[in-house]
All heavy atoms as atom14 arrays in JSON, in Angstrom:
{
  "sequence": "VPSHDTFNRVFSILNPKELERVFRLWINEICGKYRGVVPIDGKEICGV",
  "atom14_mask": [
    [1, 1, 1, 1, 1, 1, 1, 0, 0, 0, 0, 0, 0, 0],
    [1, 1, 1, 1, 1, 1, 1, 0, 0, 0, 0, 0, 0, 0],
    [1, 1, 1, 1, 1, 1, 0, 0, 0, 0, 0, 0, 0, 0],
    [1, 1, 1, 1, 1, 1, 1, 1, 1, 1, 0, 0, 0, 0],
    [1, 1, 1, 1, 1, 1, 1, 1, 0, 0, 0, 0, 0, 0],
    [1, 1, 1, 1, 1, 1, 1, 0, 0, 0, 0, 0, 0, 0],
    [1, 1, 1, 1, 1, 1, 1, 1, 1, 1, 1, 0, 0, 0],
    [1, 1, 1, 1, 1, 1, 1, 1, 0, 0, 0, 0, 0, 0],
    [1, 1, 1, 1, 1, 1, 1, 1, 1, 1, 1, 0, 0, 0],
    [1, 1, 1, 1, 1, 1, 1, 0, 0, 0, 0, 0, 0, 0],
    [1, 1, 1, 1, 1, 1, 1, 1, 1, 1, 1, 0, 0, 0],
    [1, 1, 1, 1, 1, 1, 0, 0, 0, 0, 0, 0, 0, 0],
    [1, 1, 1, 1, 1, 1, 1, 1, 0, 0, 0, 0, 0, 0],
    [1, 1, 1, 1, 1, 1, 1, 1, 0, 0, 0, 0, 0, 0],
    [1, 1, 1, 1, 1, 1, 1, 1, 0, 0, 0, 0, 0, 0],
    [1, 1, 1, 1, 1, 1, 1, 0, 0, 0, 0, 0, 0, 0],
    [1, 1, 1, 1, 1, 1, 1, 1, 1, 0, 0, 0, 0, 0],
    [1, 1, 1, 1, 1, 1, 1, 1, 1, 0, 0, 0, 0, 0],
    [1, 1, 1, 1, 1, 1, 1, 1, 0, 0, 0, 0, 0, 0],
    [1, 1, 1, 1, 1, 1, 1, 1, 1, 0, 0, 0, 0, 0],
    [1, 1, 1, 1, 1, 1, 1, 1, 1, 1, 1, 0, 0, 0],
    [1, 1, 1, 1, 1, 1, 1, 0, 0, 0, 0, 0, 0, 0],
    [1, 1, 1, 1, 1, 1, 1, 1, 1, 1, 1, 0, 0, 0],
    [1, 1, 1, 1, 1, 1, 1, 1, 1, 1, 1, 0, 0, 0],
    [1, 1, 1, 1, 1, 1, 1, 1, 0, 0, 0, 0, 0, 0],
    [1, 1, 1, 1, 1, 1, 1, 1, 1, 1, 1, 1, 1, 1],
    [1, 1, 1, 1, 1, 1, 1, 1, 0, 0, 0, 0, 0, 0],
    [1, 1, 1, 1, 1, 1, 1, 1, 0, 0, 0, 0, 0, 0],
    [1, 1, 1, 1, 1, 1, 1, 1, 1, 0, 0, 0, 0, 0],
    [1, 1, 1, 1, 1, 1, 1, 1, 0, 0, 0, 0, 0, 0],
    [1, 1, 1, 1, 1, 1, 0, 0, 0, 0, 0, 0, 0, 0],
    [1, 1, 1, 1, 0, 0, 0, 0, 0, 0, 0, 0, 0, 0],
    [1, 1, 1, 1, 1, 1, 1, 1, 1, 0, 0, 0, 0, 0],
    [1, 1, 1, 1, 1, 1, 1, 1, 1, 1, 1, 1, 0, 0],
    [1, 1, 1, 1, 1, 1, 1, 1, 1, 1, 1, 0, 0, 0],
    [1, 1, 1, 1, 0, 0, 0, 0, 0, 0, 0, 0, 0, 0],
    [1, 1, 1, 1, 1, 1, 1, 0, 0, 0, 0, 0, 0, 0],
    [1, 1, 1, 1, 1, 1, 1, 0, 0, 0, 0, 0, 0, 0],
    [1, 1, 1, 1, 1, 1, 1, 0, 0, 0, 0, 0, 0, 0],
    [1, 1, 1, 1, 1, 1, 1, 1, 0, 0, 0, 0, 0, 0],
    [1, 1, 1, 1, 1, 1, 1, 1, 0, 0, 0, 0, 0, 0],
    [1, 1, 1, 1, 0, 0, 0, 0, 0, 0, 0, 0, 0, 0],
    [1, 1, 1, 1, 1, 1, 1, 1, 1, 0, 0, 0, 0, 0],
    [1, 1, 1, 1, 1, 1, 1, 1, 1, 0, 0, 0, 0, 0],
    [1, 1, 1, 1, 1, 1, 1, 1, 0, 0, 0, 0, 0, 0],
    [1, 1, 1, 1, 1, 1, 0, 0, 0, 0, 0, 0, 0, 0],
    [1, 1, 1, 1, 0, 0, 0, 0, 0, 0, 0, 0, 0, 0],
    [1, 1, 1, 1, 1, 1, 1, 0, 0, 0, 0, 0, 0, 0]
  ],
  "atom14_positions": [
    [[19.77, -13.32, 3.08], [18.39, -13.79, 3.21], [17.59, -12.83, 4.09], [18.02, -12.52, 5.21], [18.36, -15.21, 3.82], [16.92, -15.68, 4.03], [19.13, -16.19, 2.92], [0.0, 0.0, 0.0], [0.0, 0.0, 0.0], [0.0, 0.0, 0.0], [0.0, 0.0, 0.0], [0.0, 0.0, 0.0], [0.0, 0.0, 0.0], [0.0, 0.0, 0.0]],
    [[16.46, -12.33, 3.6], [15.63, -11.43, 4.43], [15.13, -12.15, 5.69], [15.05, -13.37, 5.74], [14.46, -11.08, 3.5], [14.95, -11.38, 2.11], [15.9, -12.52, 2.25], [0.0, 0.0, 0.0], [0.0, 0.0, 0.0], [0.0, 0.0, 0.0], [0.0, 0.0, 0.0], [0.0, 0.0, 0.0], [0.0, 0.0, 0.0], [0.0, 0.0, 0.0]],
    [[14.76, -11.37, 6.68], [14.2, -11.95, 7.91], [12.75, -12.35, 7.68], [12.1, -11.93, 6.71], [14.26, -10.93, 9.03], [13.34, -9.87, 8.78], [0.0, 0.0, 0.0], [0.0, 0.0, 0.0], [0.0, 0.0, 0.0], [0.0, 0.0, 0.0], [0.0, 0.0, 0.0], [0.0, 0.0, 0.0], [0.0, 0.0, 0.0], [0.0, 0.0, 0.0]],
    [[12.23, -13.17, 8.59], [10.83, -13.59, 8.48], [9.9, -12.38, 8.55], [8.84, -12.37, 7.9], [10.48, -14.6, 9.58], [10.62, -14.06, 10.97], [11.81, -14.1, 11.66], [9.73, -13.45, 11.79], [11.63, -13.56, 12.86], [10.38, -13.15, 12.96], [0.0, 0.0, 0.0], [0.0, 0.0, 0.0], [0.0, 0.0, 0.0], [0.0, 0.0, 0.0]],
    [[10.29, -11.36, 9.32], [9.48, -10.14, 9.41], [9.4, -9.44, 8.05], [8.35, -8.89, 7.68], [10.05, -9.17, 10.45], [9.73, -9.6, 11.87], [8.68, -10.25, 12.05], [10.52, -9.3, 12.78], [0.0, 0.0, 0.0], [0.0, 0.0, 0.0], [0.0, 0.0, 0.0], [0.0, 0.0, 0.0], [0.0, 0.0, 0.0], [0.0, 0.0, 0.0]],
    [[10.51, -9.45, 7.31], [10.52, -8.82, 5.99], [9.61, -9.56, 5.02], [8.82, -8.93, 4.29], [11.95, -8.77, 5.42], [12.78, -7.99, 6.29], [11.97, -8.17, 4.02], [0.0, 0.0, 0.0], [0.0, 0.0, 0.0], [0.0, 0.0, 0.0], [0.0, 0.0, 0.0], [0.0, 0.0, 0.0], [0.0, 0.0, 0.0], [0.0, 0.0, 0.0]],
    [[9.69, -10.89, 5.01], [8.79, -11.67, 4.15], [7.33, -11.37, 4.49], [6.5, -11.13, 3.61], [9.05, -13.18, 4.31], [10.31, -13.66, 3.66], [11.4, -14.07, 4.42], [10.42, -13.71, 2.28], [12.57, -14.53, 3.82], [11.58, -14.16, 1.66], [12.66, -14.58, 2.44], [0.0, 0.0, 0.0], [0.0, 0.0, 0.0], [0.0, 0.0, 0.0]],
    [[7.03, -11.38, 5.78], [5.65, -11.13, 6.22], [5.2, -9.73, 5.85], [4.08, -9.54, 5.34], [5.55, -11.33, 7.74], [4.15, -11.12, 8.25], [3.18, -11.58, 7.64], [4.02, -10.42, 9.35], [0.0, 0.0, 0.0], [0.0, 0.0, 0.0], [0.0, 0.0, 0.0], [0.0, 0.0, 0.0], [0.0, 0.0, 0.0], [0.0, 0.0, 0.0]],
    [[6.05, -8.73, 6.06], [5.68, -7.35, 5.79], [5.43, -7.13, 4.3], [4.44, -6.49, 3.92], [6.78, -6.4, 6.28], [6.44, -4.92, 6.1], [7.47, -4.01, 6.74], [8.79, -4.14, 6.13], [9.82, -4.75, 6.7], [9.69, -5.29, 7.89], [10.99, -4.83, 6.09], [0.0, 0.0, 0.0], [0.0, 0.0, 0.0], [0.0, 0.0, 0.0]],
    [[6.3, -7.67, 3.46], [6.16, -7.47, 2.01], [4.87, -8.1, 1.49], [4.1, -7.47, 0.75], [7.38, -8.05, 1.25], [7.11, -8.07, -0.26], [8.62, -7.23, 1.55], [0.0, 0.0, 0.0], [0.0, 0.0, 0.0], [0.0, 0.0, 0.0], [0.0, 0.0, 0.0], [0.0, 0.0, 0.0], [0.0, 0.0, 0.0], [0.0, 0.0, 0.0]],
    [[4.59, -9.34, 1.9], [3.39, -10.01, 1.4], [2.12, -9.47, 2.07], [1.02, -9.68, 1.55], [3.5, -11.52, 1.57], [4.38, -12.16, 0.53], [5.7, -12.49, 0.82], [3.9, -12.4, -0.74], [6.52, -13.06, -0.14], [4.7, -12.97, -1.71], [6.02, -13.3, -1.42], [0.0, 0.0, 0.0], [0.0, 0.0, 0.0], [0.0, 0.0, 0.0]],
    [[2.28, -8.77, 3.18], [1.12, -8.16, 3.84], [0.71, -6.85, 3.17], [-0.47, -6.5, 3.15], [1.43, -7.88, 5.32], [1.57, -9.09, 6.04], [0.0, 0.0, 0.0], [0.0, 0.0, 0.0], [0.0, 0.0, 0.0], [0.0, 0.0, 0.0], [0.0, 0.0, 0.0], [0.0, 0.0, 0.0], [0.0, 0.0, 0.0], [0.0, 0.0, 0.0]],
    [[1.68, -6.11, 2.62], [1.35, -4.84, 1.97], [1.18, -4.99, 0.46], [0.7, -4.07, -0.2], [2.41, -3.76, 2.27], [3.78, -4.15, 1.72], [2.48, -3.47, 3.76], [4.85, -3.07, 1.88], [0.0, 0.0, 0.0], [0.0, 0.0, 0.0], [0.0, 0.0, 0.0], [0.0, 0.0, 0.0], [0.0, 0.0, 0.0], [0.0, 0.0, 0.0]],
    [[1.57, -6.14, -0.08], [1.42, -6.37, -1.52], [-0.05, -6.6, -1.86], [-0.7, -7.47, -1.27], [2.25, -7.58, -1.95], [2.18, -7.97, -3.44], [2.76, -6.87, -4.31], [2.91, -9.28, -3.68], [0.0, 0.0, 0.0], [0.0, 0.0, 0.0], [0.0, 0.0, 0.0], [0.0, 0.0, 0.0], [0.0, 0.0, 0.0], [0.0, 0.0, 0.0]],
    [[-0.57, -5.82, -2.79], [-1.97, -5.96, -3.21], [-2.17, -7.32, -3.87], [-1.55, -7.61, -4.9], [-2.32, -4.84, -4.19], [-3.8, -4.81, -4.53], [-4.52, -5.79, -4.35], [-4.25, -3.66, -5.0], [0.0, 0.0, 0.0], [0.0, 0.0, 0.0], [0.0, 0.0, 0.0], [0.0, 0.0, 0.0], [0.0, 0.0, 0.0], [0.0, 0.0, 0.0]],
    [[-3.06, -8.17, -3.32], [-3.28, -9.49, -3.91], [-3.74, -9.44, -5.36], [-3.46, -10.36, -6.14], [-4.38, -10.09, -3.02], [-4.25, -9.39, -1.72], [-3.82, -8.0, -2.07], [0.0, 0.0, 0.0], [0.0, 0.0, 0.0], [0.0, 0.0, 0.0], [0.0, 0.0, 0.0], [0.0, 0.0, 0.0], [0.0, 0.0, 0.0], [0.0, 0.0, 0.0]],
    [[-4.42, -8.37, -5.74], [-4.87, -8.24, -7.13], [-3.68, -8.11, -8.08], [-3.76, -8.54, -9.23], [-5.81, -7.05, -7.27], [-7.14, -7.25, -6.57], [-8.06, -6.05, -6.78], [-9.41, -6.28, -6.08], [-10.33, -5.13, -6.24], [0.0, 0.0, 0.0], [0.0, 0.0, 0.0], [0.0, 0.0, 0.0], [0.0, 0.0, 0.0], [0.0, 0.0, 0.0]],
    [[-2.6, -7.48, -7.61], [-1.39, -7.36, -8.43], [-0.75, -8.73, -8.67], [-0.38, -9.07, -9.79], [-0.38, -6.44, -7.73], [-0.52, -4.98, -8.06], [-0.13, -4.7, -9.51], [1.06, -4.74, -9.84], [-1.05, -4.45, -10.31], [0.0, 0.0, 0.0], [0.0, 0.0, 0.0], [0.0, 0.0, 0.0], [0.0, 0.0, 0.0], [0.0, 0.0, 0.0]],
    [[-0.63, -9.51, -7.6], [-0.05, -10.84, -7.74], [-0.96, -11.74, -8.58], [-0.48, -12.51, -9.41], [0.18, -11.47, -6.36], [0.88, -12.84, -6.33], [2.23, -12.77, -7.05], [1.07, -13.31, -4.9], [0.0, 0.0, 0.0], [0.0, 0.0, 0.0], [0.0, 0.0, 0.0], [0.0, 0.0, 0.0], [0.0, 0.0, 0.0], [0.0, 0.0, 0.0]],
    [[-2.26, -11.6, -8.38], [-3.23, -12.37, -9.16], [-3.12, -12.03, -10.65], [-3.18, -12.89, -11.52], [-4.64, -12.1, -8.65], [-5.75, -12.76, -9.45], [-5.81, -14.26, -9.3], [-5.29, -14.78, -8.3], [-6.37, -14.92, -10.2], [0.0, 0.0, 0.0], [0.0, 0.0, 0.0], [0.0, 0.0, 0.0], [0.0, 0.0, 0.0], [0.0, 0.0, 0.0]],
    [[-2.93, -10.74, -10.95], [-2.83, -10.3, -12.35], [-1.64, -10.95, -13.05], [-1.78, -11.48, -14.16], [-2.7, -8.77, -12.39], [-2.56, -8.18, -13.8], [-2.42, -6.67, -13.75], [-1.2, -6.24, -13.07], [-0.01, -6.18, -13.64], [0.15, -6.54, -14.91], [1.05, -5.76, -12.96], [0.0, 0.0, 0.0], [0.0, 0.0, 0.0], [0.0, 0.0, 0.0]],
    [[-0.47, -10.94, -12.42], [0.71, -11.52, -13.07], [0.63, -13.05, -13.07], [1.15, -13.7, -13.99], [2.02, -11.04, -12.41], [2.18, -9.54, -12.55], [2.13, -11.47, -10.97], [0.0, 0.0, 0.0], [0.0, 0.0, 0.0], [0.0, 0.0, 0.0], [0.0, 0.0, 0.0], [0.0, 0.0, 0.0], [0.0, 0.0, 0.0], [0.0, 0.0, 0.0]],
    [[-0.04, -13.61, -12.07], [-0.24, -15.07, -12.07], [-1.05, -15.49, -13.29], [-0.72, -16.47, -13.97], [-0.96, -15.49, -10.78], [-1.37, -16.93, -10.76], [-0.43, -17.92, -10.47], [-2.67, -17.32, -11.03], [-0.8, -19.27, -10.46], [-3.05, -18.65, -11.01], [-2.11, -19.63, -10.73], [0.0, 0.0, 0.0], [0.0, 0.0, 0.0], [0.0, 0.0, 0.0]],
    [[-2.11, -14.74, -13.59], [-2.94, -15.07, -14.75], [-2.17, -14.91, -16.06], [-2.34, -15.68, -17.01], [-4.21, -14.22, -14.75], [-5.17, -14.56, -13.61], [-6.34, -13.6, -13.53], [-7.17, -13.89, -12.37], [-8.21, -13.16, -11.98], [-8.53, -12.07, -12.66], [-8.9, -13.5, -10.91], [0.0, 0.0, 0.0], [0.0, 0.0, 0.0], [0.0, 0.0, 0.0]],
    [[-1.31, -13.88, -16.11], [-0.46, -13.7, -17.3], [0.45, -14.91, -17.49], [0.64, -15.4, -18.61], [0.39, -12.44, -17.15], [-0.3, -11.08, -17.34], [0.67, -9.95, -17.0], [-0.81, -10.93, -18.77], [0.0, 0.0, 0.0], [0.0, 0.0, 0.0], [0.0, 0.0, 0.0], [0.0, 0.0, 0.0], [0.0, 0.0, 0.0], [0.0, 0.0, 0.0]],
    [[1.03, -15.37, -16.39], [1.94, -16.51, -16.43], [1.22, -17.78, -16.88], [1.7, -18.52, -17.74], [2.57, -16.7, -15.06], [3.48, -17.89, -14.94], [4.56, -18.17, -15.72], [3.37, -18.96, -14.0], [5.15, -19.35, -15.31], [4.44, -19.85, -14.25], [2.49, -19.22, -12.95], [4.63, -21.01, -13.51], [2.69, -20.38, -12.2], [3.75, -21.25, -12.48]],
    [[0.05, -18.03, -16.29], [-0.72, -19.22, -16.65], [-1.09, -19.17, -18.13], [-1.04, -20.18, -18.84], [-1.99, -19.34, -15.78], [-1.6, -19.7, -14.34], [-2.94, -20.39, -16.35], [-0.94, -21.06, -14.18], [0.0, 0.0, 0.0], [0.0, 0.0, 0.0], [0.0, 0.0, 0.0], [0.0, 0.0, 0.0], [0.0, 0.0, 0.0], [0.0, 0.0, 0.0]],
    [[-1.46, -17.98, -18.62], [-1.79, -17.84, -20.03], [-0.58, -18.12, -20.91], [-0.7, -18.7, -22.0], [-2.33, -16.43, -20.3], [-2.87, -16.28, -21.71], [-3.79, -16.97, -22.12], [-2.28, -15.38, -22.47], [0.0, 0.0, 0.0], [0.0, 0.0, 0.0], [0.0, 0.0, 0.0], [0.0, 0.0, 0.0], [0.0, 0.0, 0.0], [0.0, 0.0, 0.0]],
    [[0.61, -17.73, -20.44], [1.84, -17.98, -21.19], [2.12, -19.47, -21.29], [2.51, -19.98, -22.35], [3.02, -17.28, -20.52], [3.03, -15.77, -20.68], [3.57, -15.35, -22.05], [4.2, -16.19, -22.73], [3.35, -14.18, -22.42], [0.0, 0.0, 0.0], [0.0, 0.0, 0.0], [0.0, 0.0, 0.0], [0.0, 0.0, 0.0], [0.0, 0.0, 0.0]],
    [[1.94, -20.2, -20.2], [2.34, -21.61, -20.2], [1.25, -22.53, -20.75], [1.56, -23.6, -21.29], [2.75, -22.09, -18.79], [1.6, -21.99, -17.8], [3.96, -21.32, -18.3], [1.94, -22.5, -16.41], [0.0, 0.0, 0.0], [0.0, 0.0, 0.0], [0.0, 0.0, 0.0], [0.0, 0.0, 0.0], [0.0, 0.0, 0.0], [0.0, 0.0, 0.0]],
    [[0.0, -22.12, -20.66], [-1.1, -22.98, -21.13], [-1.61, -22.58, -22.51], [-2.2, -23.41, -23.2], [-2.28, -22.93, -20.15], [-1.99, -23.76, -18.59], [0.0, 0.0, 0.0], [0.0, 0.0, 0.0], [0.0, 0.0, 0.0], [0.0, 0.0, 0.0], [0.0, 0.0, 0.0], [0.0, 0.0, 0.0], [0.0, 0.0, 0.0], [0.0, 0.0, 0.0]],
    [[-1.43, -21.31, -22.88], [-2.05, -20.85, -24.11], [-3.55, -20.7, -23.92], [-4.05, -20.62, -22.8], [0.0, 0.0, 0.0], [0.0, 0.0, 0.0], [0.0, 0.0, 0.0], [0.0, 0.0, 0.0], [0.0, 0.0, 0.0], [0.0, 0.0, 0.0], [0.0, 0.0, 0.0], [0.0, 0.0, 0.0], [0.0, 0.0, 0.0], [0.0, 0.0, 0.0]],
    [[-4.29, -20.7, -25.01], [-5.76, -20.58, -24.93], [-6.35, -21.93, -24.52], [-6.29, -22.89, -25.24], [-6.34, -20.14, -26.28], [-7.87, -20.09, -26.3], [-8.42, -19.03, -25.37], [-9.95, -19.08, -25.31], [-10.47, -19.98, -24.26], [0.0, 0.0, 0.0], [0.0, 0.0, 0.0], [0.0, 0.0, 0.0], [0.0, 0.0, 0.0], [0.0, 0.0, 0.0]],
    [[-6.93, -21.96, -23.35], [-7.5, -23.2, -22.82], [-8.96, -23.33, -23.26], [-9.72, -22.36, -23.22], [-7.41, -23.2, -21.29], [-7.94, -24.45, -20.65], [-7.21, -25.63, -20.67], [-9.18, -24.45, -20.02], [-7.7, -26.79, -20.09], [-9.68, -25.6, -19.43], [-8.94, -26.77, -19.47], [-9.44, -27.91, -18.89], [0.0, 0.0, 0.0], [0.0, 0.0, 0.0]],
    [[-9.37, -24.55, -23.66], [-10.74, -24.76, -24.14], [-11.39, -26.0, -23.53], [-12.35, -26.53, -24.07], [-10.76, -24.88, -25.67], [-10.38, -23.61, -26.4], [-10.54, -23.74, -27.89], [-10.15, -22.52, -28.6], [-10.93, -21.46, -28.77], [-12.17, -21.48, -28.3], [-10.5, -20.4, -29.41], [0.0, 0.0, 0.0], [0.0, 0.0, 0.0], [0.0, 0.0, 0.0]],
    [[-10.91, -26.45, -22.4], [-11.46, -27.65, -21.79], [-12.5, -27.35, -20.73], [-13.11, -26.29, -20.69], [0.0, 0.0, 0.0], [0.0, 0.0, 0.0], [0.0, 0.0, 0.0], [0.0, 0.0, 0.0], [0.0, 0.0, 0.0], [0.0, 0.0, 0.0], [0.0, 0.0, 0.0], [0.0, 0.0, 0.0], [0.0, 0.0, 0.0], [0.0, 0.0, 0.0]],
    [[-12.69, -28.33, -19.83], [-13.62, -28.19, -18.71], [-12.97, -27.34, -17.61], [-11.81, -27.56, -17.26], [-14.02, -29.57, -18.16], [-14.93, -29.43, -16.94], [-14.71, -30.4, -19.23], [0.0, 0.0, 0.0], [0.0, 0.0, 0.0], [0.0, 0.0, 0.0], [0.0, 0.0, 0.0], [0.0, 0.0, 0.0], [0.0, 0.0, 0.0], [0.0, 0.0, 0.0]],
    [[-13.73, -26.38, -17.08], [-13.23, -25.48, -16.02], [-14.14, -25.6, -14.8], [-15.17, -24.92, -14.72], [-13.17, -24.01, -16.49], [-12.66, -23.12, -15.36], [-12.28, -23.87, -17.72], [0.0, 0.0, 0.0], [0.0, 0.0, 0.0], [0.0, 0.0, 0.0], [0.0, 0.0, 0.0], [0.0, 0.0, 0.0], [0.0, 0.0, 0.0], [0.0, 0.0, 0.0]],
    [[-13.81, -26.46, -13.84], [-14.57, -26.48, -12.59], [-14.28, -25.22, -11.78], [-13.14, -24.78, -11.69], [-14.03, -27.73, -11.86], [-13.38, -28.55, -12.93], [-12.83, -27.56, -13.92], [0.0, 0.0, 0.0], [0.0, 0.0, 0.0], [0.0, 0.0, 0.0], [0.0, 0.0, 0.0], [0.0, 0.0, 0.0], [0.0, 0.0, 0.0], [0.0, 0.0, 0.0]],
    [[-15.33, -24.64, -11.2], [-15.19, -23.5, -10.31], [-15.76, -23.89, -8.95], [-16.88, -24.38, -8.87], [-15.91, -22.25, -10.86], [-15.23, -21.76, -12.14], [-15.95, -21.13, -9.82], [-15.88, -20.53, -12.77], [0.0, 0.0, 0.0], [0.0, 0.0, 0.0], [0.0, 0.0, 0.0], [0.0, 0.0, 0.0], [0.0, 0.0, 0.0], [0.0, 0.0, 0.0]],
    [[-14.97, -23.67, -7.9], [-15.42, -24.09, -6.58], [-14.7, -23.27, -5.51], [-13.61, -22.75, -5.74], [-15.14, -25.58, -6.37], [-15.91, -26.15, -5.19], [-16.97, -25.58, -4.83], [-15.47, -27.16, -4.61], [0.0, 0.0, 0.0], [0.0, 0.0, 0.0], [0.0, 0.0, 0.0], [0.0, 0.0, 0.0], [0.0, 0.0, 0.0], [0.0, 0.0, 0.0]],
    [[-15.31, -23.17, -4.35], [-14.73, -22.42, -3.24], [-14.1, -23.32, -2.21], [-14.48, -24.47, -2.05], [0.0, 0.0, 0.0], [0.0, 0.0, 0.0], [0.0, 0.0, 0.0], [0.0, 0.0, 0.0], [0.0, 0.0, 0.0], [0.0, 0.0, 0.0], [0.0, 0.0, 0.0], [0.0, 0.0, 0.0], [0.0, 0.0, 0.0], [0.0, 0.0, 0.0]],
    [[-13.1, -22.78, -1.5], [-12.43, -23.51, -0.43], [-12.16, -22.55, 0.72], [-11.64, -21.46, 0.52], [-11.11, -24.11, -0.92], [-10.32, -24.82, 0.17], [-8.96, -25.25, -0.35], [-8.15, -25.95, 0.73], [-7.86, -25.07, 1.89], [0.0, 0.0, 0.0], [0.0, 0.0, 0.0], [0.0, 0.0, 0.0], [0.0, 0.0, 0.0], [0.0, 0.0, 0.0]],
    [[-12.5, -22.98, 1.92], [-12.23, -22.19, 3.11], [-10.86, -22.53, 3.66], [-10.51, -23.7, 3.8], [-13.29, -22.46, 4.17], [-13.16, -21.6, 5.41], [-14.32, -21.81, 6.38], [-15.48, -21.66, 5.93], [-14.06, -22.11, 7.55], [0.0, 0.0, 0.0], [0.0, 0.0, 0.0], [0.0, 0.0, 0.0], [0.0, 0.0, 0.0], [0.0, 0.0, 0.0]],
    [[-10.05, -21.5, 3.95], [-8.76, -21.7, 4.62], [-9.03, -21.6, 6.11], [-9.16, -20.51, 6.67], [-7.73, -20.66, 4.15], [-7.59, -20.73, 2.61], [-6.38, -20.93, 4.81], [-6.64, -19.69, 2.05], [0.0, 0.0, 0.0], [0.0, 0.0, 0.0], [0.0, 0.0, 0.0], [0.0, 0.0, 0.0], [0.0, 0.0, 0.0], [0.0, 0.0, 0.0]],
    [[-9.17, -22.75, 6.75], [-9.76, -22.82, 8.09], [-9.01, -22.01, 9.14], [-9.62, -21.47, 10.06], [-9.83, -24.29, 8.53], [-10.89, -25.29, 7.47], [0.0, 0.0, 0.0], [0.0, 0.0, 0.0], [0.0, 0.0, 0.0], [0.0, 0.0, 0.0], [0.0, 0.0, 0.0], [0.0, 0.0, 0.0], [0.0, 0.0, 0.0], [0.0, 0.0, 0.0]],
    [[-7.69, -21.93, 9.03], [-6.91, -21.25, 10.06], [-6.91, -19.74, 9.97], [-6.43, -19.05, 10.87], [0.0, 0.0, 0.0], [0.0, 0.0, 0.0], [0.0, 0.0, 0.0], [0.0, 0.0, 0.0], [0.0, 0.0, 0.0], [0.0, 0.0, 0.0], [0.0, 0.0, 0.0], [0.0, 0.0, 0.0], [0.0, 0.0, 0.0], [0.0, 0.0, 0.0]],
    [[-7.47, -19.18, 8.89], [-7.41, -17.73, 8.67], [-8.77, -17.1, 9.0], [-9.8, -17.58, 8.54], [-7.03, -17.41, 7.21], [-7.02, -15.9, 6.98], [-5.68, -18.02, 6.87], [0.0, 0.0, 0.0], [0.0, 0.0, 0.0], [0.0, 0.0, 0.0], [0.0, 0.0, 0.0], [0.0, 0.0, 0.0], [0.0, 0.0, 0.0], [0.0, 0.0, 0.0]]
  ]
}
């Protein structure tokens, strides 16, 4: 099991756009072409 420092370091240097890209691929795989209502809204992560 990696140390907590390793987990933190990897996710700190990983480009969020890369993770976002594969996340969208995955969602498209499991949902297919979605045609329903899509709410869009923002949320503040208060501690960050």
